Amino acid sequence: MSEQAARKEKILFVDDDHNVLDAFRRNFYKIYDLETAAGAREAAGIIARKGPFAVVVSDMRMPGVDGVQFLTRLKEMAPDTVRIMLTGYADVQSSIAAVNEGNVFRFLTKPYSTQQMQRTLEDALRQYRLVTAEKQLLEQTLSGSIKVLTELLAMVNPEAFGRANRIHRHVRQVGLHLGITKTWELENAALLSQIGCMLLPTEALEKMARGESLSGEERQIYDMHPLIAADLLSHIPRLEGIRDIIAYQEKHFAGQGAPIGGKSGADIPLGGRILKILVDFDQLESSGKTPGQALGIMKGRQGWYDPMALGVLEKVLGMQSGFKLRQVRIDQLETGMLLAEDVISLRGMLLVAKGQEISPVLMTRLRTFAGIGGVQEPIKVLVPPSEEKRDDVGGGAGGEQ
């Protein structure tokens, strides 16, 4: 491997003996991108400021937090980092603890030769590349699968796709307010929440949006859509959490609703409780209710919703109340705007349902539609406060309605 390639990944060496740290730097600073720390506390600060590190080499015997404790915590902080334990004691029990608790890749005994350490570091870097490459492949595969499913939904049932996007618009903020720091599962569950509606005629969702009753067959398919979606996702590895969230999106907090029986209250996946609130809020708002009216109706439905999550939605909606309504042409659309009405072709076909946030991809799609078959313009959009201020300074895209 070239020196340039090796320096792409960083190595941290931790030891309370400054002579050992100096020797490590002398031997390897020309080969690797190195950092050294004189103890676990200093190492934690370096990891926070300069991480992630591909490899961390830690001495076993250090004052305060020893090597086993440090590498165990490191495993939680940076699970992909390859961990190596170094000690001057041939202690079998310490070795077992290091491997079992800290998931140590290698265990070296002092004194070590420069050649031995370099071979170990090269093995550790290869392991790191293997783990990260596999993780990247998995993430790309999952992202690709999710993209295909959402694009299919957009083509087959634009109304359902629009609903999923409107739910997605709120779900991250609600999740963050409820303490969900990693919102990847929750956000993708929102995007995929309506894929079970691909079997439902678009007219049925339009009837629901108008507050009209569904026929017996339509109601049966709609009631099954969370389980249909969950079943579809069961064929894609690593989407178990997303599948569970979607399966419980129609479950009442008190325990009624699909899936029948089983969980209630806090036992229902938090993501499912959030989706239940956002799906019902969207349905009420689409039927013509104002956000305040929709929230009032939902507060009166005893046992339907997680009270804490419902309170958070009210707070999030209050934060978004600064949006301004404008009318713009297709060529004036900007990312961050929200569609305040459906986008309809000149022939009356629904192209994009209201509530979706304008992204670069959606903007390209709409401009393509406009160029091929024409789009009814102007389009009503909601402009975020930051964009509104910029428009005021720069001239604006259209008149406020």
Protein backbone atom coordinates (compact mmCIF):
# COMPACT_ATOMS: atom_id res chain seq x y z
CA MET A 1 0.00 0.00 0.00
CA SER A 2 1.19 3.51 -0.78
CA GLU A 3 2.00 5.99 1.97
CA GLN A 4 -0.76 8.29 0.65
CA ALA A 5 -3.37 5.53 0.89
CA ALA A 6 -2.30 4.61 4.42
CA ARG A 7 -2.67 8.21 5.56
CA LYS A 8 -6.35 8.30 4.68
CA GLU A 9 -7.13 6.40 7.88
CA LYS A 10 -6.07 7.67 11.30
CA ILE A 11 -4.51 5.72 14.17
CA LEU A 12 -4.62 6.69 17.84
CA PHE A 13 -2.04 5.35 20.32
CA VAL A 14 -2.88 5.62 24.04
CA ASP A 15 -0.32 5.06 26.81
CA ASP A 16 0.47 6.85 30.06
CA ASP A 17 4.23 6.38 29.45
CA HIS A 18 5.53 9.37 27.46
CA ASN A 19 8.67 7.47 26.43
CA VAL A 20 6.50 4.82 24.78
CA LEU A 21 4.44 7.52 23.02
CA ASP A 22 7.62 9.19 21.74
CA ALA A 23 8.96 5.89 20.42
CA PHE A 24 5.67 5.15 18.65
CA ARG A 25 5.68 8.54 16.97
CA ARG A 26 9.31 8.19 15.86
CA ASN A 27 8.71 4.76 14.34
CA PHE A 28 5.43 5.40 12.55
CA TYR A 29 4.77 9.10 11.93
CA LYS A 30 6.14 8.88 8.36
CA ILE A 31 3.91 5.90 7.53
CA TYR A 32 0.55 6.66 9.17
CA ASP A 33 -1.66 9.57 10.15
CA LEU A 34 -1.03 9.39 13.91
CA GLU A 35 -2.40 10.88 17.12
CA THR A 36 -1.18 9.99 20.61
CA ALA A 37 -2.77 10.43 24.03
CA ALA A 38 -1.32 10.07 27.54
CA GLY A 39 -4.35 8.32 29.04
CA ALA A 40 -8.00 7.49 28.47
CA ARG A 41 -9.36 10.95 29.32
CA GLU A 42 -7.08 12.70 26.84
CA ALA A 43 -7.87 10.03 24.24
CA ALA A 44 -11.62 10.61 24.63
CA GLY A 45 -11.13 14.30 23.89
CA ILE A 46 -9.04 13.58 20.80
CA ILE A 47 -11.64 11.09 19.51
CA ALA A 48 -14.41 13.65 20.01
CA ARG A 49 -12.46 16.40 18.19
CA LYS A 50 -10.62 14.46 15.49
CA GLY A 51 -12.40 11.11 15.09
CA PRO A 52 -13.30 8.75 13.68
CA PHE A 53 -10.14 6.64 13.97
CA ALA A 54 -9.58 3.47 11.99
CA VAL A 55 -7.42 1.89 14.71
CA VAL A 56 -6.90 2.60 18.40
CA VAL A 57 -3.98 0.99 20.27
CA SER A 58 -4.31 1.22 24.06
CA ASP A 59 -2.07 0.24 26.93
CA MET A 60 -3.70 -2.09 29.47
CA ARG A 61 -2.36 -0.60 32.69
CA MET A 62 -3.20 3.10 32.96
CA PRO A 63 -4.18 5.17 36.02
CA GLY A 64 -7.88 5.93 36.38
CA VAL A 65 -9.62 4.26 33.46
CA ASP A 66 -7.67 1.16 32.42
CA GLY A 67 -7.36 -0.19 28.89
CA VAL A 68 -10.24 -2.67 29.13
CA GLN A 69 -12.65 0.00 30.40
CA PHE A 70 -11.47 2.47 27.77
CA LEU A 71 -11.82 0.07 24.83
CA THR A 72 -15.21 -1.11 26.10
CA ARG A 73 -16.46 2.48 26.04
CA LEU A 74 -14.79 3.03 22.68
CA LYS A 75 -16.76 0.10 21.26
CA GLU A 76 -19.98 1.96 22.16
CA MET A 77 -18.73 5.32 20.85
CA ALA A 78 -17.15 4.06 17.60
CA PRO A 79 -18.11 0.45 16.88
CA ASP A 80 -16.25 0.38 13.54
CA THR A 81 -12.88 1.33 15.07
CA VAL A 82 -10.49 -1.63 15.29
CA ARG A 83 -9.16 -1.98 18.87
CA ILE A 84 -5.71 -3.30 19.87
CA MET A 85 -4.61 -3.92 23.46
CA LEU A 86 -0.98 -3.50 24.54
CA THR A 87 0.42 -4.59 27.91
CA GLY A 88 3.63 -5.41 29.69
CA TYR A 89 1.88 -8.09 31.73
CA ALA A 90 1.28 -11.60 30.40
CA ASP A 91 -2.04 -11.74 32.25
CA VAL A 92 -4.45 -14.36 30.88
CA GLN A 93 -7.49 -12.97 32.71
CA SER A 94 -6.82 -9.45 31.45
CA SER A 95 -6.54 -10.81 27.92
CA ILE A 96 -9.88 -12.60 28.24
CA ALA A 97 -11.56 -9.46 29.63
CA ALA A 98 -10.09 -7.34 26.84
CA VAL A 99 -11.36 -9.66 24.13
CA ASN A 100 -14.78 -10.28 25.66
CA GLU A 101 -15.63 -6.78 26.92
CA GLY A 102 -13.78 -4.56 24.48
CA ASN A 103 -13.99 -6.78 21.38
CA VAL A 104 -10.24 -6.43 20.98
CA PHE A 105 -8.85 -7.33 17.55
CA ARG A 106 -5.32 -8.16 18.74
CA PHE A 107 -3.54 -8.43 22.10
CA LEU A 108 0.19 -7.57 22.09
CA THR A 109 2.72 -7.93 24.89
CA LYS A 110 5.53 -5.48 25.59
CA PRO A 111 8.25 -5.32 24.48
CA TYR A 112 7.21 -5.45 20.84
CA SER A 113 9.32 -4.98 17.74
CA THR A 114 8.64 -2.22 15.23
CA GLN A 115 8.04 -4.87 12.56
CA GLN A 116 5.56 -6.73 14.77
CA MET A 117 3.58 -3.56 15.51
CA GLN A 118 3.52 -2.52 11.85
CA ARG A 119 2.22 -5.95 10.78
CA THR A 120 -0.48 -5.68 13.42
CA LEU A 121 -1.44 -2.16 12.33
CA GLU A 122 -1.64 -3.27 8.68
CA ASP A 123 -3.88 -6.20 9.66
CA ALA A 124 -6.07 -3.83 11.69
CA LEU A 125 -6.37 -1.36 8.80
CA ARG A 126 -7.39 -4.17 6.44
CA GLN A 127 -10.04 -5.23 8.96
CA TYR A 128 -11.30 -1.64 9.23
CA ARG A 129 -11.57 -1.32 5.45
CA LEU A 130 -13.41 -4.62 5.23
CA VAL A 131 -15.93 -3.59 7.91
CA THR A 132 -16.52 -0.09 6.51
CA ALA A 133 -16.77 -1.33 2.91
CA GLU A 134 -19.38 -3.90 3.93
CA LYS A 135 -21.27 -1.26 5.90
CA GLN A 136 -21.17 1.16 2.96
CA LEU A 137 -22.41 -1.54 0.58
CA LEU A 138 -25.27 -2.38 2.94
CA GLU A 139 -26.24 1.29 3.33
CA GLN A 140 -26.19 1.81 -0.43
CA THR A 141 -28.27 -1.35 -0.96
CA LEU A 142 -30.84 -0.28 1.62
CA SER A 143 -30.98 3.27 0.29
CA GLY A 144 -31.43 1.94 -3.24
CA SER A 145 -34.24 -0.40 -2.16
CA ILE A 146 -36.05 2.40 -0.35
CA LYS A 147 -35.64 4.72 -3.36
CA VAL A 148 -37.11 2.11 -5.74
CA LEU A 149 -40.11 1.49 -3.48
CA THR A 150 -40.89 5.20 -3.04
CA GLU A 151 -40.56 5.85 -6.78
CA LEU A 152 -42.92 2.96 -7.52
CA LEU A 153 -45.42 4.42 -5.07
CA ALA A 154 -45.08 7.84 -6.77
CA MET A 155 -45.91 6.31 -10.15
CA VAL A 156 -48.69 3.95 -9.03
CA ASN A 157 -50.44 6.09 -6.42
CA PRO A 158 -49.38 9.78 -6.31
CA GLU A 159 -51.91 10.51 -3.56
CA ALA A 160 -50.35 7.91 -1.25
CA PHE A 161 -46.88 9.16 -2.16
CA GLY A 162 -47.93 12.70 -1.30
CA ARG A 163 -49.27 11.59 2.06
CA ALA A 164 -46.00 9.77 2.84
CA ASN A 165 -44.01 12.91 2.00
CA ARG A 166 -46.23 15.14 4.12
CA ILE A 167 -45.76 12.77 7.06
CA HIS A 168 -42.02 12.70 6.40
CA ARG A 169 -41.92 16.50 6.58
CA HIS A 170 -42.84 16.47 10.28
CA VAL A 171 -41.49 13.14 11.49
CA ARG A 172 -37.84 14.06 12.07
CA GLN A 173 -38.62 17.08 14.25
CA VAL A 174 -41.17 15.10 16.28
CA GLY A 175 -38.67 12.27 16.72
CA LEU A 176 -35.87 14.60 17.83
CA HIS A 177 -38.15 16.29 20.37
CA LEU A 178 -38.96 12.84 21.78
CA GLY A 179 -35.30 11.94 22.22
CA ILE A 180 -34.69 9.90 19.05
CA THR A 181 -31.18 10.98 18.07
CA LYS A 182 -30.76 8.57 15.15
CA THR A 183 -33.82 9.29 13.03
CA TRP A 184 -32.82 7.23 9.96
CA GLU A 185 -35.28 4.42 10.73
CA LEU A 186 -38.09 6.81 11.62
CA GLU A 187 -37.67 8.98 8.53
CA ASN A 188 -37.56 6.01 6.17
CA ALA A 189 -40.54 4.44 7.93
CA ALA A 190 -42.47 7.62 7.13
CA LEU A 191 -41.43 7.48 3.46
CA LEU A 192 -42.43 3.80 3.21
CA SER A 193 -45.50 4.01 5.45
CA GLN A 194 -47.96 4.11 2.53
CA ILE A 195 -46.47 1.50 0.17
CA GLY A 196 -49.22 -0.92 1.21
CA CYS A 197 -51.62 1.51 -0.47
CA MET A 198 -50.26 0.59 -3.91
CA LEU A 199 -53.12 -1.92 -4.03
CA LEU A 200 -55.64 0.79 -3.18
CA PRO A 201 -57.13 2.84 -6.05
CA THR A 202 -56.05 6.47 -6.01
CA GLU A 203 -59.74 7.41 -5.96
CA ALA A 204 -60.12 5.75 -2.56
CA LEU A 205 -57.44 7.94 -0.96
CA GLU A 206 -58.95 10.99 -2.64
CA LYS A 207 -62.30 10.07 -1.07
CA MET A 208 -60.62 9.82 2.33
CA ALA A 209 -58.99 13.20 1.79
CA ARG A 210 -62.45 14.68 1.12
CA GLY A 211 -63.80 13.04 4.28
CA GLU A 212 -65.98 10.59 2.34
CA SER A 213 -66.61 6.97 3.36
CA LEU A 214 -64.84 4.09 1.63
CA SER A 215 -66.66 1.10 0.18
CA GLY A 216 -66.40 -2.19 2.05
CA GLU A 217 -63.65 -3.53 -0.21
CA GLU A 218 -61.72 -0.25 -0.14
CA ARG A 219 -61.92 -0.10 3.65
CA GLN A 220 -60.70 -3.69 3.93
CA ILE A 221 -57.66 -2.99 1.73
CA TYR A 222 -56.90 0.25 3.56
CA ASP A 223 -57.08 -1.42 6.98
CA MET A 224 -54.61 -4.02 5.76
CA HIS A 225 -52.10 -1.60 4.22
CA PRO A 226 -49.71 -1.40 7.23
CA LEU A 227 -49.41 -5.19 7.34
CA ILE A 228 -49.05 -5.38 3.54
CA ALA A 229 -46.19 -2.88 3.75
CA ALA A 230 -44.59 -4.73 6.67
CA ASP A 231 -44.79 -7.99 4.71
CA LEU A 232 -43.13 -6.39 1.67
CA LEU A 233 -40.30 -5.06 3.83
CA SER A 234 -39.77 -8.43 5.52
CA HIS A 235 -37.98 -9.53 2.34
CA ILE A 236 -35.32 -6.81 2.71
CA PRO A 237 -32.62 -7.52 5.36
CA ARG A 238 -31.89 -4.97 8.11
CA LEU A 239 -35.26 -3.22 7.84
CA GLU A 240 -36.78 -4.96 10.87
CA GLY A 241 -37.07 -1.73 12.88
CA ILE A 242 -38.71 0.13 9.99
CA ARG A 243 -41.08 -2.80 9.41
CA ASP A 244 -42.23 -2.77 13.05
CA ILE A 245 -42.82 0.99 13.01
CA ILE A 246 -44.96 0.72 9.87
CA ALA A 247 -46.90 -2.31 11.15
CA TYR A 248 -48.07 -0.30 14.21
CA GLN A 249 -48.95 2.98 12.45
CA GLU A 250 -52.72 2.39 12.92
CA LYS A 251 -52.51 1.03 16.47
CA HIS A 252 -54.34 3.04 19.15
CA PHE A 253 -52.35 3.92 22.26
CA ALA A 254 -54.94 2.10 24.40
CA GLY A 255 -54.45 -1.09 22.34
CA GLN A 256 -57.30 -1.05 19.80
CA GLY A 257 -56.66 -1.31 16.07
CA ALA A 258 -54.30 -3.29 13.86
CA PRO A 259 -52.36 -5.40 14.51
CA ILE A 260 -55.04 -7.07 16.60
CA GLY A 261 -54.08 -7.86 20.20
CA GLY A 262 -50.61 -7.61 21.62
CA LYS A 263 -49.03 -4.30 22.46
CA SER A 264 -50.48 -1.12 23.92
CA GLY A 265 -49.20 2.11 25.47
CA ALA A 266 -45.45 2.47 25.78
CA ASP A 267 -44.94 -1.10 24.49
CA ILE A 268 -45.97 0.05 21.01
CA PRO A 269 -42.82 1.08 19.08
CA LEU A 270 -42.30 4.82 19.54
CA GLY A 271 -42.02 5.25 15.78
CA GLY A 272 -45.41 3.58 15.33
CA ARG A 273 -46.97 5.94 17.88
CA ILE A 274 -45.51 8.92 16.01
CA LEU A 275 -46.76 7.68 12.64
CA LYS A 276 -50.27 7.11 14.04
CA ILE A 277 -50.44 10.77 15.05
CA LEU A 278 -49.00 12.11 11.80
CA VAL A 279 -51.17 9.89 9.56
CA ASP A 280 -54.36 10.95 11.32
CA PHE A 281 -53.31 14.60 11.40
CA ASP A 282 -52.64 14.53 7.66
CA GLN A 283 -56.00 12.89 6.97
CA LEU A 284 -57.85 15.56 8.95
CA GLU A 285 -55.89 18.42 7.40
CA SER A 286 -56.42 17.01 3.89
CA SER A 287 -60.17 16.92 4.52
CA GLY A 288 -60.16 20.69 4.99
CA LYS A 289 -59.48 21.11 8.71
CA THR A 290 -57.02 23.75 9.84
CA PRO A 291 -54.05 22.49 11.89
CA GLY A 292 -55.72 23.86 15.04
CA GLN A 293 -59.02 22.14 14.25
CA ALA A 294 -57.23 18.86 13.47
CA LEU A 295 -55.32 18.96 16.75
CA GLY A 296 -58.53 19.76 18.64
CA ILE A 297 -60.28 16.71 17.16
CA MET A 298 -57.32 14.49 17.96
CA LYS A 299 -57.15 15.69 21.55
CA GLY A 300 -60.78 14.63 21.96
CA ARG A 301 -60.12 11.05 20.82
CA GLN A 302 -59.53 9.37 24.16
CA GLY A 303 -57.07 6.47 24.06
CA TRP A 304 -56.05 6.96 20.44
CA TYR A 305 -52.68 8.69 20.79
CA ASP A 306 -49.55 8.89 22.93
CA PRO A 307 -50.23 12.15 24.86
CA MET A 308 -46.57 13.13 24.93
CA ALA A 309 -46.12 12.63 21.17
CA LEU A 310 -49.31 14.58 20.45
CA GLY A 311 -48.02 17.47 22.55
CA VAL A 312 -44.76 17.44 20.62
CA LEU A 313 -46.61 17.61 17.29
CA GLU A 314 -48.42 20.72 18.52
CA LYS A 315 -45.07 22.30 19.40
CA VAL A 316 -43.55 21.39 16.01
CA LEU A 317 -46.53 22.84 14.13
CA GLY A 318 -46.16 26.04 16.11
CA MET A 319 -42.53 26.27 15.01
CA GLN A 320 -43.61 25.98 11.37
CA SER A 321 -46.33 28.61 11.58
CA GLY A 322 -44.00 31.27 10.14
CA PHE A 323 -44.30 29.88 6.59
CA LYS A 324 -45.67 32.35 4.02
CA LEU A 325 -48.07 31.46 1.20
CA ARG A 326 -46.93 32.46 -2.29
CA GLN A 327 -47.77 31.73 -5.92
CA VAL A 328 -44.87 30.83 -8.21
CA ARG A 329 -44.21 29.47 -11.66
CA ILE A 330 -42.40 26.18 -12.21
CA ASP A 331 -39.13 27.96 -13.04
CA GLN A 332 -39.36 29.91 -9.74
CA LEU A 333 -39.51 26.84 -7.49
CA GLU A 334 -36.71 26.59 -4.93
CA THR A 335 -35.61 23.82 -2.59
CA GLY A 336 -37.20 24.05 0.85
CA MET A 337 -40.55 25.35 -0.41
CA LEU A 338 -43.62 23.25 0.45
CA LEU A 339 -46.41 22.58 -2.03
CA ALA A 340 -49.59 24.18 -0.65
CA GLU A 341 -51.76 22.57 -3.33
CA ASP A 342 -51.68 19.59 -5.70
CA VAL A 343 -49.69 20.04 -8.90
CA ILE A 344 -52.01 19.20 -11.82
CA SER A 345 -51.20 18.67 -15.49
CA LEU A 346 -53.02 20.66 -18.17
CA ARG A 347 -55.09 17.52 -18.81
CA GLY A 348 -56.20 17.40 -15.16
CA MET A 349 -53.95 14.54 -14.00
CA LEU A 350 -52.46 14.66 -10.49
CA LEU A 351 -48.69 14.92 -10.84
CA VAL A 352 -47.55 15.69 -7.28
CA ALA A 353 -49.71 15.81 -4.16
CA LYS A 354 -49.65 18.86 -1.90
CA GLY A 355 -47.53 18.96 1.22
CA GLN A 356 -44.31 17.76 -0.37
CA GLU A 357 -41.09 19.67 0.16
CA ILE A 358 -39.38 20.81 -3.02
CA SER A 359 -36.14 18.87 -3.42
CA PRO A 360 -33.71 19.02 -6.38
CA VAL A 361 -35.14 15.72 -7.68
CA LEU A 362 -38.76 16.89 -7.39
CA MET A 363 -37.91 20.22 -9.00
CA THR A 364 -36.37 18.37 -11.98
CA ARG A 365 -39.45 16.13 -12.26
CA LEU A 366 -41.83 19.08 -12.28
CA ARG A 367 -39.82 20.97 -14.88
CA THR A 368 -39.77 17.83 -17.02
CA PHE A 369 -43.56 17.50 -16.68
CA ALA A 370 -43.96 21.16 -17.62
CA GLY A 371 -41.80 20.74 -20.71
CA ILE A 372 -43.55 17.59 -21.94
CA GLY A 373 -47.24 17.96 -21.20
CA GLY A 374 -47.66 21.26 -19.39
CA VAL A 375 -48.55 22.05 -15.78
CA GLN A 376 -51.27 24.28 -14.39
CA GLU A 377 -49.55 27.44 -13.14
CA PRO A 378 -49.03 29.37 -10.94
CA ILE A 379 -48.53 26.91 -8.08
CA LYS A 380 -49.22 27.79 -4.46
CA VAL A 381 -46.26 27.11 -2.16
CA LEU A 382 -45.31 27.75 1.45
CA VAL A 383 -42.01 29.59 1.80
CA PRO A 384 -39.93 29.04 5.00
CA PRO A 385 -39.21 32.20 7.04
CA SER A 386 -35.52 32.24 6.07
CA GLU A 387 -36.43 32.08 2.37
CA GLU A 388 -39.08 34.76 2.87
CA LYS A 389 -36.51 37.16 4.28
CA ARG A 390 -34.17 36.47 1.38
CA ASP A 391 -37.02 37.12 -1.10
CA ASP A 392 -37.81 40.43 0.60
CA VAL A 393 -34.22 41.52 0.08
CA GLY A 394 -33.77 40.06 -3.40
CA GLY A 395 -37.09 40.85 -5.02
CA GLY A 396 -39.20 37.72 -4.35
CA ALA A 397 -40.61 35.00 -6.58
CA GLY A 398 -44.23 35.94 -6.50
CA GLY A 399 -46.91 37.86 -4.69
CA GLU A 400 -48.13 36.80 -1.27
CA GLN A 401 -51.69 35.53 -1.25
